[in-house]
Protein backbone atom coordinates (compact mmCIF):
# COMPACT_ATOMS: atom_id res chain seq x y z
CA MET A 1 -4.52 -2.83 10.42
CA LYS A 2 -5.81 -6.23 9.36
CA LYS A 3 -5.08 -8.73 11.33
CA ALA A 4 -4.07 -12.65 9.77
CA GLN A 5 -3.59 -16.08 11.19
CA LEU A 6 -0.26 -19.01 10.36
CA SER A 7 0.57 -21.55 11.98
CA GLY A 8 3.70 -22.66 11.68
CA SER A 9 6.70 -26.27 12.50
CA VAL A 10 10.14 -25.54 14.50
CA ARG A 11 12.68 -26.24 11.47
CA SER A 12 14.58 -28.71 12.90
CA ASN A 13 17.85 -28.24 10.45
CA VAL A 14 18.58 -25.81 8.81
CA GLY A 15 20.69 -25.24 5.61
CA LYS A 16 19.74 -25.15 1.79
CA LYS A 17 19.60 -28.71 1.25
CA ASP A 18 16.79 -28.53 4.55
CA ALA A 19 15.40 -25.83 2.60
CA LYS A 20 15.17 -27.27 -0.87
CA ALA A 21 13.23 -30.29 1.11
CA LEU A 22 10.64 -28.42 2.21
CA ARG A 23 9.91 -26.33 -0.59
CA ILE A 24 9.43 -30.15 -2.12
CA ALA A 25 7.28 -31.23 0.65
CA ASN A 26 4.89 -27.06 -0.33
CA LEU A 27 6.38 -25.66 2.96
CA VAL A 28 8.21 -22.09 2.39
CA PRO A 29 11.09 -21.73 5.21
CA CYS A 30 10.63 -19.06 7.67
CA VAL A 31 12.72 -16.66 10.26
CA LEU A 32 10.96 -14.49 12.39
CA TYR A 33 13.59 -12.10 14.29
CA GLY A 34 13.37 -8.94 15.99
CA THR A 35 12.89 -9.07 19.86
CA GLY A 36 15.10 -12.08 20.90
CA GLU A 37 16.45 -15.15 19.77
CA GLN A 38 15.63 -15.61 16.18
CA VAL A 39 13.17 -18.50 15.61
CA HIS A 40 13.30 -20.87 11.88
CA PHE A 41 10.93 -22.55 11.37
CA SER A 42 8.13 -23.33 8.18
CA VAL A 43 4.35 -22.61 6.85
CA LYS A 44 2.24 -24.08 4.54
CA LYS A 45 2.81 -22.82 1.09
CA ASN A 46 -0.81 -22.17 0.15
CA ASP A 47 -1.72 -20.15 3.73
CA ILE A 48 1.26 -17.62 3.71
CA GLU A 49 0.85 -16.92 0.01
CA LYS A 50 -2.69 -16.13 0.91
CA ILE A 51 -1.53 -13.24 2.46
CA VAL A 52 2.10 -12.82 0.50
CA PHE A 53 -0.78 -12.21 -2.90
CA SER A 54 -3.13 -9.80 -1.26
CA PRO A 55 -3.18 -6.56 -1.66
CA GLU A 56 -3.98 -5.65 1.76
CA VAL A 57 -1.44 -5.26 4.40
CA TYR A 58 -1.05 -7.64 7.50
CA LEU A 59 0.06 -7.69 11.28
CA VAL A 60 0.37 -11.71 11.23
CA GLU A 61 -0.79 -13.79 14.17
CA LEU A 62 2.26 -16.69 13.86
CA ASP A 63 1.78 -19.83 16.26
CA ILE A 64 4.79 -21.87 15.92
CA GLN A 65 4.21 -24.89 18.41
CA GLY A 66 2.73 -22.58 21.06
CA ARG A 67 5.87 -19.88 20.41
CA LYS A 68 2.48 -16.72 19.55
CA ALA A 69 4.11 -13.27 18.73
CA GLU A 70 2.44 -10.98 15.95
CA ALA A 71 4.82 -10.42 13.37
CA ILE A 72 4.78 -8.32 9.70
CA ILE A 73 6.43 -9.68 7.21
CA ARG A 74 9.84 -8.21 6.52
CA GLU A 75 11.88 -9.48 3.47
CA LEU A 76 10.31 -12.05 1.10
CA GLN A 77 12.23 -13.90 -2.05
CA GLN A 78 11.01 -15.22 -4.75
CA HIS A 79 11.13 -17.47 -7.85
CA PRO A 80 12.40 -15.51 -10.81
CA VAL A 81 10.27 -17.35 -12.97
CA LYS A 82 8.18 -18.93 -10.93
CA ASP A 83 7.40 -16.05 -8.51
CA THR A 84 6.16 -18.93 -6.34
CA VAL A 85 7.42 -17.34 -2.32
CA GLN A 86 10.87 -19.03 -1.51
CA HIS A 87 11.20 -17.81 2.02
CA VAL A 88 10.07 -15.30 4.73
CA ASP A 89 11.48 -13.14 7.32
CA PHE A 90 8.96 -11.91 9.77
CA LEU A 91 10.08 -9.14 12.08
CA GLU A 92 7.78 -9.07 15.26
CA VAL A 93 5.66 -6.47 16.59
CA THR A 94 5.87 -5.02 20.01
CA ALA A 95 3.19 -2.67 21.61
CA LYS A 96 5.18 -0.12 21.99
CA LYS A 97 8.84 -0.04 19.05
CA PRO A 98 7.90 1.60 16.60
CA ILE A 99 7.60 0.00 12.40
CA ARG A 100 8.33 0.80 9.48
CA ILE A 101 6.07 -0.51 6.89
CA GLY A 102 4.38 0.17 3.53
CA LEU A 103 0.57 0.42 3.25
CA PRO A 104 -1.73 0.62 0.44
CA ILE A 105 -3.61 4.07 -0.84
CA ARG A 106 -6.86 3.55 -1.04
CA LEU A 107 -8.82 6.61 -3.44
CA GLU A 108 -12.39 6.65 -3.17
CA GLY A 109 -14.93 9.24 -5.05
CA LYS A 110 -15.35 11.05 -8.62
CA SER A 111 -12.98 13.11 -9.76
CA ARG A 112 -14.70 16.31 -11.34
CA GLY A 113 -11.22 16.47 -13.50
CA VAL A 114 -11.96 13.05 -14.52
CA MET A 115 -15.72 13.84 -15.10
CA ASN A 116 -14.50 16.87 -17.59
CA GLY A 117 -12.64 14.45 -19.91
CA GLY A 118 -9.11 14.29 -17.28
CA ARG A 119 -6.82 11.48 -16.57
CA LEU A 120 -6.62 10.48 -12.93
CA MET A 121 -2.70 9.16 -12.26
CA GLN A 122 -1.78 7.27 -9.39
CA VAL A 123 2.12 7.92 -9.27
CA PHE A 124 1.90 5.82 -5.58
CA ARG A 125 0.27 2.51 -4.63
CA LYS A 126 1.91 2.34 -1.29
CA LEU A 127 3.27 5.11 1.28
CA ASN A 128 5.92 4.20 3.52
CA VAL A 129 5.01 4.83 6.96
CA PHE A 130 6.88 4.90 10.36
CA GLY A 131 4.53 4.36 13.76
CA LEU A 132 2.96 1.96 16.46
CA ALA A 133 1.24 -1.02 15.31
CA LYS A 134 -2.06 0.25 16.93
CA ASP A 135 -2.24 3.42 15.22
CA LEU A 136 -1.61 1.79 11.80
CA PRO A 137 -4.74 2.52 9.56
CA GLU A 138 -5.54 -0.88 6.89
CA ALA A 139 -5.10 1.40 4.11
CA ILE A 140 -4.68 5.44 3.36
CA VAL A 141 -7.43 6.21 2.00
CA LEU A 142 -7.43 9.35 -0.43
CA ASP A 143 -10.62 11.88 -1.08
CA VAL A 144 -10.58 12.82 -4.98
CA THR A 145 -13.87 14.22 -5.42
CA ASP A 146 -12.83 18.00 -5.72
CA LEU A 147 -9.55 17.09 -7.59
CA ARG A 148 -9.55 19.51 -10.91
CA ILE A 149 -7.53 18.96 -13.89
CA GLY A 150 -4.01 20.32 -13.06
CA GLN A 151 -4.46 19.04 -9.80
CA SER A 152 -2.49 17.44 -7.15
CA VAL A 153 -2.35 15.73 -4.12
CA ARG A 154 1.28 15.12 -2.36
CA ILE A 155 2.44 13.62 -0.22
CA LYS A 156 2.83 16.36 2.26
CA ASP A 157 -1.10 17.27 1.95
CA ILE A 158 -1.92 13.87 3.79
CA THR A 159 -2.17 14.14 8.04
CA ILE A 160 -1.95 10.49 9.53
CA PRO A 161 -2.64 10.56 13.33
CA GLY A 162 0.84 9.28 15.06
CA ILE A 163 2.65 8.12 12.03
CA GLU A 164 5.50 9.34 10.04
CA VAL A 165 5.21 9.77 6.38
CA LEU A 166 8.61 8.75 5.05
CA ASP A 167 8.14 9.46 1.48
CA PRO A 168 9.73 12.89 0.19
CA ALA A 169 7.18 15.75 1.59
CA ASN A 170 6.74 17.27 -2.34
CA SER A 171 6.23 14.04 -4.83
CA VAL A 172 2.92 13.82 -6.24
CA VAL A 173 0.66 10.55 -5.03
CA VAL A 174 -1.88 11.14 -7.23
CA SER A 175 -2.86 14.18 -10.28
CA VAL A 176 -5.22 14.81 -13.14
CA LYS A 177 -3.82 15.45 -16.03
CA MET A 178 -5.29 17.28 -19.47
CA ALA A 179 -6.48 14.62 -21.88
CA ARG A 180 -7.13 15.26 -25.56
CA GLY A 181 -11.12 16.82 -25.10
CA ALA A 182 -11.27 17.69 -21.91
CA ALA A 183 -12.34 21.36 -20.53
CA ASP A 184 -11.99 21.81 -16.93
CA VAL A 185 -15.53 24.05 -16.97
CA ASP A 186 -17.00 24.33 -13.38
CA GLU A 187 -20.47 22.72 -13.68
CA GLU A 188 -22.28 25.39 -11.55
CA GLU A 189 -21.00 28.55 -14.41
CA ASP A 190 -21.75 26.54 -16.87
CA GLU A 191 -25.25 26.37 -15.69
CA THR A 192 -25.70 30.00 -14.63
CA GLY A 193 -24.53 30.60 -18.66
CA GLU A 194 -21.15 32.37 -17.37
CA GLY A 195 -19.11 30.12 -19.62
CA GLU A 196 -20.41 31.25 -22.61
CA THR A 197 -20.28 35.30 -21.42
CA VAL A 198 -16.48 35.00 -20.95
CA ALA A 199 -15.95 32.94 -24.30
CA ALA A 200 -17.73 35.61 -26.04
CA THR A 201 -15.47 38.82 -24.21
CA GLU A 202 -12.23 36.83 -25.02
CA GLU A 203 -14.09 36.89 -28.64
CA GLU A 204 -14.77 40.98 -28.72
CA SER A 205 -11.17 41.30 -26.87
CA ALA A 206 -9.62 39.56 -30.11
CA GLU A 207 -11.43 41.88 -32.67
């Protein structure tokens, strides 16, 4: 998993008025929990938004006035209209304690079905997984090169060493759907003329 560094300052006061004052000063109130006493702190708005609004998932290396910890974002509150970050909850990560997190899905390759005119449908952009931080990849990479029209990749087809995928096993992650004008033709068969032979046989049977 990718890492990001983030510095913060301990909050002297905790409450709505203090939180409002922090936001006016372009700071975001945060809390760190998971291994002991909660730590209330603030970070610069621009620094946290670079992490929050990135498509990547990060293990955040926090430095809160000398108190260092590795954490993931557990909960995020945003402004209902402006979408600006209002509050962030961080869960501290330890080497021996597994965590639950959503990992992004990255597709690779050019699907045979798409090359034949089909339409690639990606149902999941992230998958919920459970495991140790050291075993978590940056992303779940799926090669769709051999995916033909009518075929799909389900969650049960995905294996990540040391990691449990929590979403329903039979759920479709990505598939190739039939589109208008599409034909699921095998390139090798088409080159040898076998496709024409099949078509001719069907016509004779109809007569």
